[in-house]
């Protein structure tokens, strides 16, 4: 399974970006997909996850109310609003390691995810 994240860029604080994640085949559409981010010198951290059906989502406390995850048949999106300098990081999408039901999602641990895409850089200037 190959995943590819895109949509990053440079934006001023308070601005918005929309990230996209695309992958090949059914190995993507029937699985939960998460977003993580990694800032320089820091561990990769969980941002958000969505079930394969889109019914269930979860967010890190630091992004609740500002970021929105969604998906269609081909892609998973992460809408980033009200961006802050501390949101600066490389953002990665990842597919769940196991199959979950339509209303279920994996936890925030990186080990719950098996396939990782190349990241996309998000830089927020103050």
PDB file of N, CA and C in Angstrom:
ATOM      1  N   UNK A   1       0.852  -1.189   0.000  1.00  0.00           N
ATOM      2  CA  UNK A   1       0.000   0.000   0.000  1.00  0.00           C
ATOM      3  C   UNK A   1       0.888   1.241   0.000  1.00  0.00           C
ATOM      4  N   UNK A   2       0.636   2.107  -0.941  1.00  0.00           N
ATOM      5  CA  UNK A   2       1.409   3.339  -1.045  1.00  0.00           C
ATOM      6  C   UNK A   2       0.489   4.508  -0.725  1.00  0.00           C
ATOM      7  N   UNK A   3       0.869   5.331   0.251  1.00  0.00           N
ATOM      8  CA  UNK A   3       0.107   6.519   0.592  1.00  0.00           C
ATOM      9  C   UNK A   3       0.914   7.765   0.250  1.00  0.00           C
ATOM     10  N   UNK A   4       0.212   8.812  -0.120  1.00  0.00           N
ATOM     11  CA  UNK A   4       0.881  10.060  -0.459  1.00  0.00           C
ATOM     12  C   UNK A   4       0.085  11.222   0.121  1.00  0.00           C
ATOM     13  N   UNK A   5       0.738  12.022   0.964  1.00  0.00           N
ATOM     14  CA  UNK A   5       0.118  13.218   1.513  1.00  0.00           C
ATOM     15  C   UNK A   5       0.541  14.429   0.701  1.00  0.00           C
ATOM     16  N   UNK A   6      -0.360  15.396   0.577  1.00  0.00           N
ATOM     17  CA  UNK A   6      -0.056  16.621  -0.154  1.00  0.00           C
ATOM     18  C   UNK A   6      -0.884  17.765   0.413  1.00  0.00           C
ATOM     19  N   UNK A   7      -0.577  18.978  -0.036  1.00  0.00           N
ATOM     20  CA  UNK A   7      -1.372  20.134   0.356  1.00  0.00           C
ATOM     21  C   UNK A   7      -0.715  21.044   1.375  1.00  0.00           C
ATOM     22  N   UNK A   8       0.457  20.677   1.838  1.00  0.00           N
ATOM     23  CA  UNK A   8       1.142  21.515   2.796  1.00  0.00           C
ATOM     24  C   UNK A   8       1.640  22.805   2.172  1.00  0.00           C
ATOM     25  N   UNK A   9       2.156  23.690   3.024  1.00  0.00           N
ATOM     26  CA  UNK A   9       2.682  24.941   2.515  1.00  0.00           C
ATOM     27  C   UNK A   9       3.009  25.884   3.653  1.00  0.00           C
ATOM     28  N   UNK A  10       3.286  27.114   3.269  1.00  0.00           N
ATOM     29  CA  UNK A  10       3.598  28.175   4.227  1.00  0.00           C
ATOM     30  C   UNK A  10       2.373  29.072   4.365  1.00  0.00           C
ATOM     31  N   UNK A  11       1.949  29.315   5.600  1.00  0.00           N
ATOM     32  CA  UNK A  11       0.761  30.114   5.842  1.00  0.00           C
ATOM     33  C   UNK A  11       0.972  30.942   7.094  1.00  0.00           C
ATOM     34  N   UNK A  12       0.314  32.071   7.159  1.00  0.00           N
ATOM     35  CA  UNK A  12       0.410  32.912   8.346  1.00  0.00           C
ATOM     36  C   UNK A  12      -0.490  32.368   9.459  1.00  0.00           C
ATOM     37  N   UNK A  13      -0.167  32.697  10.676  1.00  0.00           N
ATOM     38  CA  UNK A  13      -0.991  32.307  11.809  1.00  0.00           C
ATOM     39  C   UNK A  13      -2.431  32.784  11.587  1.00  0.00           C
ATOM     40  N   UNK A  14      -3.366  31.902  11.891  1.00  0.00           N
ATOM     41  CA  UNK A  14      -4.766  32.197  11.653  1.00  0.00           C
ATOM     42  C   UNK A  14      -5.273  31.716  10.310  1.00  0.00           C
ATOM     43  N   UNK A  15      -4.355  31.307   9.446  1.00  0.00           N
ATOM     44  CA  UNK A  15      -4.724  30.858   8.120  1.00  0.00           C
ATOM     45  C   UNK A  15      -5.179  29.416   8.080  1.00  0.00           C
ATOM     46  N   UNK A  16      -5.428  28.936   6.863  1.00  0.00           N
ATOM     47  CA  UNK A  16      -5.966  27.590   6.660  1.00  0.00           C
ATOM     48  C   UNK A  16      -5.219  26.866   5.557  1.00  0.00           C
ATOM     49  N   UNK A  17      -5.234  25.548   5.659  1.00  0.00           N
ATOM     50  CA  UNK A  17      -4.723  24.662   4.626  1.00  0.00           C
ATOM     51  C   UNK A  17      -5.603  23.420   4.596  1.00  0.00           C
ATOM     52  N   UNK A  18      -5.614  22.759   3.452  1.00  0.00           N
ATOM     53  CA  UNK A  18      -6.315  21.485   3.358  1.00  0.00           C
ATOM     54  C   UNK A  18      -5.350  20.438   2.841  1.00  0.00           C
ATOM     55  N   UNK A  19      -5.107  19.447   3.658  1.00  0.00           N
ATOM     56  CA  UNK A  19      -4.216  18.356   3.290  1.00  0.00           C
ATOM     57  C   UNK A  19      -5.023  17.216   2.687  1.00  0.00           C
ATOM     58  N   UNK A  20      -4.395  16.490   1.774  1.00  0.00           N
ATOM     59  CA  UNK A  20      -5.023  15.329   1.151  1.00  0.00           C
ATOM     60  C   UNK A  20      -4.113  14.124   1.281  1.00  0.00           C
ATOM     61  N   UNK A  21      -4.735  12.971   1.378  1.00  0.00           N
ATOM     62  CA  UNK A  21      -3.994  11.713   1.427  1.00  0.00           C
ATOM     63  C   UNK A  21      -4.650  10.771   0.426  1.00  0.00           C
ATOM     64  N   UNK A  22      -3.849  10.221  -0.449  1.00  0.00           N
ATOM     65  CA  UNK A  22      -4.358   9.294  -1.447  1.00  0.00           C
ATOM     66  C   UNK A  22      -3.538   8.029  -1.387  1.00  0.00           C
ATOM     67  N   UNK A  23      -4.194   6.899  -1.686  1.00  0.00           N
ATOM     68  CA  UNK A  23      -3.483   5.631  -1.690  1.00  0.00           C
ATOM     69  C   UNK A  23      -4.093   4.738  -2.740  1.00  0.00           C
ATOM     70  N   UNK A  24      -3.439   3.632  -2.933  1.00  0.00           N
ATOM     71  CA  UNK A  24      -3.879   2.718  -3.980  1.00  0.00           C
ATOM     72  C   UNK A  24      -4.942   1.771  -3.466  1.00  0.00           C
ATOM     73  N   UNK A  25      -5.929   1.533  -4.270  1.00  0.00           N
ATOM     74  CA  UNK A  25      -6.837   0.415  -4.191  1.00  0.00           C
ATOM     75  C   UNK A  25      -7.731   0.282  -2.982  1.00  0.00           C
ATOM     76  N   UNK A  26      -8.307  -0.872  -2.864  1.00  0.00           N
ATOM     77  CA  UNK A  26      -9.243  -1.185  -1.791  1.00  0.00           C
ATOM     78  C   UNK A  26      -8.540  -1.275  -0.468  1.00  0.00           C
ATOM     79  N   UNK A  27      -7.261  -1.453  -0.493  1.00  0.00           N
ATOM     80  CA  UNK A  27      -6.503  -1.525   0.753  1.00  0.00           C
ATOM     81  C   UNK A  27      -6.539  -0.202   1.487  1.00  0.00           C
ATOM     82  N   UNK A  28      -7.112   0.793   0.912  1.00  0.00           N
ATOM     83  CA  UNK A  28      -7.224   2.102   1.532  1.00  0.00           C
ATOM     84  C   UNK A  28      -8.673   2.409   1.892  1.00  0.00           C
ATOM     85  N   UNK A  29      -9.572   2.209   0.971  1.00  0.00           N
ATOM     86  CA  UNK A  29     -10.953   2.643   1.148  1.00  0.00           C
ATOM     87  C   UNK A  29     -11.685   1.882   2.250  1.00  0.00           C
ATOM     88  N   UNK A  30     -11.270   0.682   2.587  1.00  0.00           N
ATOM     89  CA  UNK A  30     -11.931  -0.113   3.609  1.00  0.00           C
ATOM     90  C   UNK A  30     -11.240  -0.070   4.959  1.00  0.00           C
ATOM     91  N   UNK A  31     -10.357   0.876   5.142  1.00  0.00           N
ATOM     92  CA  UNK A  31      -9.597   0.980   6.385  1.00  0.00           C
ATOM     93  C   UNK A  31      -9.657   2.377   6.977  1.00  0.00           C
ATOM     94  N   UNK A  32      -9.550   2.436   8.293  1.00  0.00           N
ATOM     95  CA  UNK A  32      -9.400   3.726   8.949  1.00  0.00           C
ATOM     96  C   UNK A  32      -8.060   4.338   8.564  1.00  0.00           C
ATOM     97  N   UNK A  33      -8.040   5.654   8.519  1.00  0.00           N
ATOM     98  CA  UNK A  33      -6.825   6.388   8.156  1.00  0.00           C
ATOM     99  C   UNK A  33      -6.594   7.495   9.172  1.00  0.00           C
ATOM    100  N   UNK A  34      -5.353   7.621   9.577  1.00  0.00           N
ATOM    101  CA  UNK A  34      -5.012   8.652  10.546  1.00  0.00           C
ATOM    102  C   UNK A  34      -4.041   9.670   9.993  1.00  0.00           C
ATOM    103  N   UNK A  35      -3.992  10.804  10.675  1.00  0.00           N
ATOM    104  CA  UNK A  35      -2.992  11.840  10.390  1.00  0.00           C
ATOM    105  C   UNK A  35      -2.119  12.005  11.622  1.00  0.00           C
ATOM    106  N   UNK A  36      -0.838  12.127  11.398  1.00  0.00           N
ATOM    107  CA  UNK A  36       0.141  12.387  12.443  1.00  0.00           C
ATOM    108  C   UNK A  36       0.993  13.573  12.002  1.00  0.00           C
ATOM    109  N   UNK A  37       1.749  14.114  12.932  1.00  0.00           N
ATOM    110  CA  UNK A  37       2.673  15.186  12.566  1.00  0.00           C
ATOM    111  C   UNK A  37       3.949  15.067  13.399  1.00  0.00           C
ATOM    112  N   UNK A  38       5.011  15.587  12.837  1.00  0.00           N
ATOM    113  CA  UNK A  38       6.290  15.551  13.519  1.00  0.00           C
ATOM    114  C   UNK A  38       7.006  16.880  13.334  1.00  0.00           C
ATOM    115  N   UNK A  39       7.193  17.567  14.444  1.00  0.00           N
ATOM    116  CA  UNK A  39       7.927  18.824  14.432  1.00  0.00           C
ATOM    117  C   UNK A  39       9.411  18.528  14.637  1.00  0.00           C
ATOM    118  N   UNK A  40      10.277  19.431  14.223  1.00  0.00           N
ATOM    119  CA  UNK A  40      11.723  19.207  14.383  1.00  0.00           C
ATOM    120  C   UNK A  40      12.097  18.929  15.827  1.00  0.00           C
ATOM    121  N   UNK A  41      12.836  17.853  16.034  1.00  0.00           N
ATOM    122  CA  UNK A  41      13.294  17.515  17.368  1.00  0.00           C
ATOM    123  C   UNK A  41      12.262  16.896  18.277  1.00  0.00           C
ATOM    124  N   UNK A  42      11.088  16.616  17.726  1.00  0.00           N
ATOM    125  CA  UNK A  42      10.015  16.054  18.552  1.00  0.00           C
ATOM    126  C   UNK A  42       9.561  14.711  18.006  1.00  0.00           C
ATOM    127  N   UNK A  43       8.845  13.964  18.867  1.00  0.00           N
ATOM    128  CA  UNK A  43       8.293  12.693  18.443  1.00  0.00           C
ATOM    129  C   UNK A  43       7.117  12.928  17.494  1.00  0.00           C
ATOM    130  N   UNK A  44       6.880  11.933  16.642  1.00  0.00           N
ATOM    131  CA  UNK A  44       5.699  11.983  15.793  1.00  0.00           C
ATOM    132  C   UNK A  44       4.477  11.814  16.676  1.00  0.00           C
ATOM    133  N   UNK A  45       3.476  12.683  16.491  1.00  0.00           N
ATOM    134  CA  UNK A  45       2.323  12.657  17.348  1.00  0.00           C
ATOM    135  C   UNK A  45       1.029  12.527  16.559  1.00  0.00           C
ATOM    136  N   UNK A  46       0.058  11.914  17.221  1.00  0.00           N
ATOM    137  CA  UNK A  46      -1.255  11.715  16.632  1.00  0.00           C
ATOM    138  C   UNK A  46      -1.977  13.054  16.480  1.00  0.00           C
ATOM    139  N   UNK A  47      -2.684  13.192  15.347  1.00  0.00           N
ATOM    140  CA  UNK A  47      -3.484  14.387  15.110  1.00  0.00           C
ATOM    141  C   UNK A  47      -4.968  14.034  15.008  1.00  0.00           C
ATOM    142  N   UNK A  48      -5.285  13.062  14.142  1.00  0.00           N
ATOM    143  CA  UNK A  48      -6.685  12.739  13.917  1.00  0.00           C
ATOM    144  C   UNK A  48      -6.798  11.392  13.222  1.00  0.00           C
ATOM    145  N   UNK A  49      -7.998  10.787  13.307  1.00  0.00           N
ATOM    146  CA  UNK A  49      -8.255   9.522  12.629  1.00  0.00           C
ATOM    147  C   UNK A  49      -9.717   9.491  12.220  1.00  0.00           C
ATOM    148  N   UNK A  50      -9.994   8.764  11.137  1.00  0.00           N
ATOM    149  CA  UNK A  50     -11.347   8.611  10.643  1.00  0.00           C
ATOM    150  C   UNK A  50     -11.580   7.155  10.266  1.00  0.00           C
ATOM    151  N   UNK A  51     -12.780   6.648  10.578  1.00  0.00           N
ATOM    152  CA  UNK A  51     -13.107   5.280  10.223  1.00  0.00           C
ATOM    153  C   UNK A  51     -13.263   5.144   8.710  1.00  0.00           C
ATOM    154  N   UNK A  52     -13.342   3.907   8.239  1.00  0.00           N
ATOM    155  CA  UNK A  52     -13.406   3.724   6.798  1.00  0.00           C
ATOM    156  C   UNK A  52     -14.690   4.310   6.234  1.00  0.00           C
ATOM    157  N   UNK A  53     -15.746   4.323   7.036  1.00  0.00           N
ATOM    158  CA  UNK A  53     -17.033   4.846   6.571  1.00  0.00           C
ATOM    159  C   UNK A  53     -17.161   6.347   6.757  1.00  0.00           C
ATOM    160  N   UNK A  54     -16.294   6.916   7.563  1.00  0.00           N
ATOM    161  CA  UNK A  54     -16.409   8.336   7.903  1.00  0.00           C
ATOM    162  C   UNK A  54     -17.298   8.588   9.099  1.00  0.00           C
ATOM    163  N   UNK A  55     -17.891   7.515   9.652  1.00  0.00           N
ATOM    164  CA  UNK A  55     -18.835   7.681  10.769  1.00  0.00           C
ATOM    165  C   UNK A  55     -18.157   8.115  12.053  1.00  0.00           C
ATOM    166  N   UNK A  56     -16.951   7.638  12.266  1.00  0.00           N
ATOM    167  CA  UNK A  56     -16.262   7.897  13.527  1.00  0.00           C
ATOM    168  C   UNK A  56     -14.978   8.674  13.284  1.00  0.00           C
ATOM    169  N   UNK A  57     -14.714   9.640  14.143  1.00  0.00           N
ATOM    170  CA  UNK A  57     -13.491  10.420  14.074  1.00  0.00           C
ATOM    171  C   UNK A  57     -12.954  10.657  15.484  1.00  0.00           C
ATOM    172  N   UNK A  58     -11.705  11.021  15.546  1.00  0.00           N
ATOM    173  CA  UNK A  58     -11.103  11.400  16.817  1.00  0.00           C
ATOM    174  C   UNK A  58      -9.999  12.425  16.538  1.00  0.00           C
ATOM    175  N   UNK A  59      -9.772  13.281  17.530  1.00  0.00           N
ATOM    176  CA  UNK A  59      -8.795  14.347  17.359  1.00  0.00           C
ATOM    177  C   UNK A  59      -7.927  14.468  18.612  1.00  0.00           C
ATOM    178  N   UNK A  60      -6.701  14.891  18.412  1.00  0.00           N
ATOM    179  CA  UNK A  60      -5.875  15.278  19.533  1.00  0.00           C
ATOM    180  C   UNK A  60      -6.465  16.532  20.162  1.00  0.00           C
ATOM    181  N   UNK A  61      -6.297  16.654  21.470  1.00  0.00           N
ATOM    182  CA  UNK A  61      -6.862  17.820  22.154  1.00  0.00           C
ATOM    183  C   UNK A  61      -6.332  19.136  21.587  1.00  0.00           C
ATOM    184  N   UNK A  62      -5.101  19.123  21.151  1.00  0.00           N
ATOM    185  CA  UNK A  62      -4.464  20.350  20.678  1.00  0.00           C
ATOM    186  C   UNK A  62      -5.052  20.881  19.378  1.00  0.00           C
ATOM    187  N   UNK A  63      -5.798  20.029  18.653  1.00  0.00           N
ATOM    188  CA  UNK A  63      -6.349  20.469  17.365  1.00  0.00           C
ATOM    189  C   UNK A  63      -7.869  20.455  17.331  1.00  0.00           C
ATOM    190  N   UNK A  64      -8.506  19.982  18.387  1.00  0.00           N
ATOM    191  CA  UNK A  64      -9.976  19.924  18.423  1.00  0.00           C
ATOM    192  C   UNK A  64     -10.561  21.309  18.207  1.00  0.00           C
ATOM    193  N   UNK A  65     -11.573  21.354  17.342  1.00  0.00           N
ATOM    194  CA  UNK A  65     -12.227  22.623  17.053  1.00  0.00           C
ATOM    195  C   UNK A  65     -11.546  23.437  15.968  1.00  0.00           C
ATOM    196  N   UNK A  66     -10.355  23.031  15.564  1.00  0.00           N
ATOM    197  CA  UNK A  66      -9.627  23.756  14.520  1.00  0.00           C
ATOM    198  C   UNK A  66      -9.409  22.891  13.285  1.00  0.00           C
ATOM    199  N   UNK A  67      -9.188  21.618  13.476  1.00  0.00           N
ATOM    200  CA  UNK A  67      -8.936  20.701  12.355  1.00  0.00           C
ATOM    201  C   UNK A  67     -10.164  19.818  12.142  1.00  0.00           C
ATOM    202  N   UNK A  68     -10.397  19.461  10.874  1.00  0.00           N
ATOM    203  CA  UNK A  68     -11.501  18.565  10.548  1.00  0.00           C
ATOM    204  C   UNK A  68     -11.023  17.500   9.574  1.00  0.00           C
ATOM    205  N   UNK A  69     -11.262  16.246   9.936  1.00  0.00           N
ATOM    206  CA  UNK A  69     -10.899  15.140   9.060  1.00  0.00           C
ATOM    207  C   UNK A  69     -12.140  14.680   8.316  1.00  0.00           C
ATOM    208  N   UNK A  70     -11.961  14.284   7.067  1.00  0.00           N
ATOM    209  CA  UNK A  70     -13.061  13.782   6.259  1.00  0.00           C
ATOM    210  C   UNK A  70     -12.490  12.859   5.190  1.00  0.00           C
ATOM    211  N   UNK A  71     -13.389  12.192   4.482  1.00  0.00           N
ATOM    212  CA  UNK A  71     -12.913  11.318   3.413  1.00  0.00           C
ATOM    213  C   UNK A  71     -14.004  11.128   2.377  1.00  0.00           C
ATOM    214  N   UNK A  72     -13.577  10.785   1.184  1.00  0.00           N
ATOM    215  CA  UNK A  72     -14.483  10.323   0.159  1.00  0.00           C
ATOM    216  C   UNK A  72     -13.952   8.982  -0.333  1.00  0.00           C
ATOM    217  N   UNK A  73     -14.439   8.536  -1.442  1.00  0.00           N
ATOM    218  CA  UNK A  73     -14.054   7.203  -1.896  1.00  0.00           C
ATOM    219  C   UNK A  73     -12.598   7.104  -2.289  1.00  0.00           C
ATOM    220  N   UNK A  74     -11.982   8.251  -2.557  1.00  0.00           N
ATOM    221  CA  UNK A  74     -10.619   8.208  -3.080  1.00  0.00           C
ATOM    222  C   UNK A  74      -9.572   8.785  -2.140  1.00  0.00           C
ATOM    223  N   UNK A  75      -9.967   9.742  -1.295  1.00  0.00           N
ATOM    224  CA  UNK A  75      -8.975  10.454  -0.502  1.00  0.00           C
ATOM    225  C   UNK A  75      -9.454  10.673   0.930  1.00  0.00           C
ATOM    226  N   UNK A  76      -8.480  10.925   1.777  1.00  0.00           N
ATOM    227  CA  UNK A  76      -8.745  11.391   3.139  1.00  0.00           C
ATOM    228  C   UNK A  76      -8.181  12.800   3.248  1.00  0.00           C
ATOM    229  N   UNK A  77      -8.966  13.680   3.864  1.00  0.00           N
ATOM    230  CA  UNK A  77      -8.599  15.081   3.936  1.00  0.00           C
ATOM    231  C   UNK A  77      -8.410  15.497   5.398  1.00  0.00           C
ATOM    232  N   UNK A  78      -7.592  16.531   5.566  1.00  0.00           N
ATOM    233  CA  UNK A  78      -7.471  17.166   6.877  1.00  0.00           C
ATOM    234  C   UNK A  78      -7.505  18.672   6.643  1.00  0.00           C
ATOM    235  N   UNK A  79      -8.614  19.278   7.048  1.00  0.00           N
ATOM    236  CA  UNK A  79      -8.773  20.726   6.948  1.00  0.00           C
ATOM    237  C   UNK A  79      -8.168  21.359   8.190  1.00  0.00           C
ATOM    238  N   UNK A  80      -7.204  22.232   7.978  1.00  0.00           N
ATOM    239  CA  UNK A  80      -6.516  22.902   9.081  1.00  0.00           C
ATOM    240  C   UNK A  80      -6.937  24.363   9.103  1.00  0.00           C
ATOM    241  N   UNK A  81      -7.642  24.772  10.135  1.00  0.00           N
ATOM    242  CA  UNK A  81      -8.074  26.154  10.296  1.00  0.00           C
ATOM    243  C   UNK A  81      -7.449  26.769  11.536  1.00  0.00           C
ATOM    244  N   UNK A  82      -7.472  28.080  11.592  1.00  0.00           N
ATOM    245  CA  UNK A  82      -6.947  28.815  12.756  1.00  0.00           C
ATOM    246  C   UNK A  82      -5.552  28.310  13.121  1.00  0.00           C
ATOM    247  N   UNK A  83      -4.708  28.210  12.123  1.00  0.00           N
ATOM    248  CA  UNK A  83      -3.382  27.633  12.341  1.00  0.00           C
ATOM    249  C   UNK A  83      -2.531  28.488  13.264  1.00  0.00           C
ATOM    250  N   UNK A  84      -1.716  27.806  14.048  1.00  0.00           N
ATOM    251  CA  UNK A  84      -0.815  28.446  15.001  1.00  0.00           C
ATOM    252  C   UNK A  84       0.627  28.055  14.657  1.00  0.00           C
ATOM    253  N   UNK A  85       1.592  28.858  15.052  1.00  0.00           N
ATOM    254  CA  UNK A  85       2.994  28.487  14.791  1.00  0.00           C
ATOM    255  C   UNK A  85       3.351  27.105  15.330  1.00  0.00           C
ATOM    256  N   UNK A  86       2.743  26.700  16.419  1.00  0.00           N
ATOM    257  CA  UNK A  86       3.051  25.394  16.993  1.00  0.00           C
ATOM    258  C   UNK A  86       2.468  24.230  16.178  1.00  0.00           C
ATOM    259  N   UNK A  87       1.692  24.537  15.154  1.00  0.00           N
ATOM    260  CA  UNK A  87       1.215  23.499  14.245  1.00  0.00           C
ATOM    261  C   UNK A  87       2.253  23.166  13.172  1.00  0.00           C
ATOM    262  N   UNK A  88       3.323  23.921  13.129  1.00  0.00           N
ATOM    263  CA  UNK A  88       4.369  23.675  12.148  1.00  0.00           C
ATOM    264  C   UNK A  88       4.962  22.286  12.341  1.00  0.00           C
ATOM    265  N   UNK A  89       4.952  21.497  11.272  1.00  0.00           N
ATOM    266  CA  UNK A  89       5.424  20.118  11.342  1.00  0.00           C
ATOM    267  C   UNK A  89       5.314  19.496   9.958  1.00  0.00           C
ATOM    268  N   UNK A  90       5.889  18.324   9.821  1.00  0.00           N
ATOM    269  CA  UNK A  90       5.614  17.483   8.665  1.00  0.00           C
ATOM    270  C   UNK A  90       4.414  16.621   9.030  1.00  0.00           C
ATOM    271  N   UNK A  91       3.407  16.644   8.170  1.00  0.00           N
ATOM    272  CA  UNK A  91       2.173  15.905   8.416  1.00  0.00           C
ATOM    273  C   UNK A  91       2.184  14.633   7.568  1.00  0.00           C
ATOM    274  N   UNK A  92       1.843  13.518   8.217  1.00  0.00           N
ATOM    275  CA  UNK A  92       1.830  12.211   7.578  1.00  0.00           C
ATOM    276  C   UNK A  92       0.439  11.593   7.675  1.00  0.00           C
ATOM    277  N   UNK A  93       0.040  10.879   6.635  1.00  0.00           N
ATOM    278  CA  UNK A  93      -1.149  10.054   6.747  1.00  0.00           C
ATOM    279  C   UNK A  93      -0.702   8.593   6.857  1.00  0.00           C
ATOM    280  N   UNK A  94      -1.544   7.800   7.487  1.00  0.00           N
ATOM    281  CA  UNK A  94      -1.197   6.409   7.718  1.00  0.00           C
ATOM    282  C   UNK A  94      -2.464   5.563   7.756  1.00  0.00           C
ATOM    283  N   UNK A  95      -2.374   4.346   7.235  1.00  0.00           N
ATOM    284  CA  UNK A  95      -3.511   3.439   7.229  1.00  0.00           C
ATOM    285  C   UNK A  95      -3.469   2.545   8.456  1.00  0.00           C
ATOM    286  N   UNK A  96      -4.636   2.268   9.014  1.00  0.00           N
ATOM    287  CA  UNK A  96      -4.704   1.393  10.183  1.00  0.00           C
ATOM    288  C   UNK A  96      -4.108   0.027   9.868  1.00  0.00           C
ATOM    289  N   UNK A  97      -3.480  -0.558  10.870  1.00  0.00           N
ATOM    290  CA  UNK A  97      -2.872  -1.872  10.697  1.00  0.00           C
ATOM    291  C   UNK A  97      -3.946  -2.949  10.529  1.00  0.00           C
ATOM    292  N   UNK A  98      -5.035  -2.818  11.278  1.00  0.00           N
ATOM    293  CA  UNK A  98      -6.084  -3.819  11.268  1.00  0.00           C
ATOM    294  C   UNK A  98      -7.373  -3.240  10.708  1.00  0.00           C
ATOM    295  N   UNK A  99      -8.270  -4.158  10.326  1.00  0.00           N
ATOM    296  CA  UNK A  99      -9.590  -3.714   9.877  1.00  0.00           C
ATOM    297  C   UNK A  99     -10.460  -3.383  11.093  1.00  0.00           C
ATOM    298  N   UNK A 100     -11.176  -2.278  11.021  1.00  0.00           N
ATOM    299  CA  UNK A 100     -12.133  -1.891  12.049  1.00  0.00           C
ATOM    300  C   UNK A 100     -13.506  -1.734  11.407  1.00  0.00           C
ATOM    301  N   UNK A 101     -14.547  -1.943  12.200  1.00  0.00           N
ATOM    302  CA  UNK A 101     -15.904  -1.763  11.698  1.00  0.00           C
ATOM    303  C   UNK A 101     -16.186  -0.330  11.318  1.00  0.00           C
ATOM    304  N   UNK A 102     -17.346  -0.142  10.697  1.00  0.00           N
ATOM    305  CA  UNK A 102     -17.655   1.165  10.135  1.00  0.00           C
ATOM    306  C   UNK A 102     -17.675   2.271  11.183  1.00  0.00           C
ATOM    307  N   UNK A 103     -18.006   1.928  12.420  1.00  0.00           N
ATOM    308  CA  UNK A 103     -18.078   2.936  13.472  1.00  0.00           C
ATOM    309  C   UNK A 103     -16.926   2.887  14.445  1.00  0.00           C
ATOM    310  N   UNK A 104     -15.905   2.148  14.109  1.00  0.00           N
ATOM    311  CA  UNK A 104     -14.767   1.973  15.001  1.00  0.00           C
ATOM    312  C   UNK A 104     -13.502   2.591  14.422  1.00  0.00           C
ATOM    313  N   UNK A 105     -12.623   2.995  15.328  1.00  0.00           N
ATOM    314  CA  UNK A 105     -11.378   3.607  14.907  1.00  0.00           C
ATOM    315  C   UNK A 105     -10.235   3.105  15.784  1.00  0.00           C
ATOM    316  N   UNK A 106      -9.047   3.074  15.263  1.00  0.00           N
ATOM    317  CA  UNK A 106      -7.899   2.704  16.085  1.00  0.00           C
ATOM    318  C   UNK A 106      -7.537   3.826  17.042  1.00  0.00           C
ATOM    319  N   UNK A 107      -6.683   3.494  17.995  1.00  0.00           N
ATOM    320  CA  UNK A 107      -6.224   4.485  18.947  1.00  0.00           C
ATOM    321  C   UNK A 107      -5.160   5.385  18.370  1.00  0.00           C
ATOM    322  N   UNK A 108      -4.588   6.253  19.201  1.00  0.00           N
ATOM    323  CA  UNK A 108      -3.605   7.216  18.717  1.00  0.00           C
ATOM    324  C   UNK A 108      -2.160   6.705  18.646  1.00  0.00           C
ATOM    325  N   UNK A 109      -1.927   5.478  19.075  1.00  0.00           N
ATOM    326  CA  UNK A 109      -0.551   4.972  19.067  1.00  0.00           C
ATOM    327  C   UNK A 109      -0.073   4.711  17.643  1.00  0.00           C
ATOM    328  N   UNK A 110       1.178   5.035  17.378  1.00  0.00           N
ATOM    329  CA  UNK A 110       1.728   4.830  16.037  1.00  0.00           C
ATOM    330  C   UNK A 110       1.708   3.354  15.646  1.00  0.00           C
ATOM    331  N   UNK A 111       1.808   2.495  16.633  1.00  0.00           N
ATOM    332  CA  UNK A 111       1.829   1.064  16.340  1.00  0.00           C
ATOM    333  C   UNK A 111       0.503   0.549  15.798  1.00  0.00           C
ATOM    334  N   UNK A 112      -0.562   1.332  15.935  1.00  0.00           N
ATOM    335  CA  UNK A 112      -1.861   0.935  15.384  1.00  0.00           C
ATOM    336  C   UNK A 112      -1.923   1.123  13.863  1.00  0.00           C
ATOM    337  N   UNK A 113      -0.897   1.705  13.299  1.00  0.00           N
ATOM    338  CA  UNK A 113      -0.900   2.052  11.884  1.00  0.00           C
ATOM    339  C   UNK A 113       0.263   1.359  11.189  1.00  0.00           C
ATOM    340  N   UNK A 114      -0.033   0.806  10.023  1.00  0.00           N
ATOM    341  CA  UNK A 114       0.959  -0.035   9.364  1.00  0.00           C
ATOM    342  C   UNK A 114       1.605   0.605   8.158  1.00  0.00           C
ATOM    343  N   UNK A 115       0.913   1.452   7.484  1.00  0.00           N
ATOM    344  CA  UNK A 115       1.410   2.010   6.232  1.00  0.00           C
ATOM    345  C   UNK A 115       1.434   3.530   6.335  1.00  0.00           C
ATOM    346  N   UNK A 116       2.590   4.058   6.033  1.00  0.00           N
ATOM    347  CA  UNK A 116       2.816   5.493   6.179  1.00  0.00           C
ATOM    348  C   UNK A 116       3.189   6.100   4.844  1.00  0.00           C
ATOM    349  N   UNK A 117       2.614   7.266   4.601  1.00  0.00           N
ATOM    350  CA  UNK A 117       2.963   7.959   3.376  1.00  0.00           C
ATOM    351  C   UNK A 117       4.115   8.913   3.600  1.00  0.00           C
ATOM    352  N   UNK A 118       4.607   9.460   2.526  1.00  0.00           N
ATOM    353  CA  UNK A 118       5.561  10.551   2.627  1.00  0.00           C
ATOM    354  C   UNK A 118       4.832  11.770   3.178  1.00  0.00           C
ATOM    355  N   UNK A 119       5.470  12.528   3.975  1.00  0.00           N
ATOM    356  CA  UNK A 119       4.818  13.646   4.628  1.00  0.00           C
ATOM    357  C   UNK A 119       4.741  14.877   3.754  1.00  0.00           C
ATOM    358  N   UNK A 120       3.972  15.842   4.262  1.00  0.00           N
ATOM    359  CA  UNK A 120       3.873  17.141   3.614  1.00  0.00           C
ATOM    360  C   UNK A 120       4.137  18.216   4.669  1.00  0.00           C
ATOM    361  N   UNK A 121       4.975  19.178   4.318  1.00  0.00           N
ATOM    362  CA  UNK A 121       5.408  20.179   5.285  1.00  0.00           C
ATOM    363  C   UNK A 121       4.360  21.273   5.439  1.00  0.00           C
ATOM    364  N   UNK A 122       4.019  21.559   6.683  1.00  0.00           N
ATOM    365  CA  UNK A 122       3.160  22.692   7.015  1.00  0.00           C
ATOM    366  C   UNK A 122       3.978  23.648   7.883  1.00  0.00           C
ATOM    367  N   UNK A 123       4.082  24.875   7.433  1.00  0.00           N
ATOM    368  CA  UNK A 123       4.830  25.885   8.172  1.00  0.00           C
ATOM    369  C   UNK A 123       3.918  27.072   8.438  1.00  0.00           C
ATOM    370  N   UNK A 124       3.776  27.421   9.704  1.00  0.00           N
ATOM    371  CA  UNK A 124       2.908  28.523  10.098  1.00  0.00           C
ATOM    372  C   UNK A 124       3.775  29.633  10.680  1.00  0.00           C
ATOM    373  N   UNK A 125       3.735  30.785  10.045  1.00  0.00           N
ATOM    374  CA  UNK A 125       4.526  31.913  10.506  1.00  0.00           C
ATOM    375  C   UNK A 125       3.703  32.785  11.448  1.00  0.00           C
ATOM    376  N   UNK A 126       4.412  33.401  12.387  1.00  0.00           N
ATOM    377  CA  UNK A 126       3.712  34.235  13.380  1.00  0.00           C
ATOM    378  C   UNK A 126       3.606  35.674  12.907  1.00  0.00           C
TER     379      UNK A 126
END
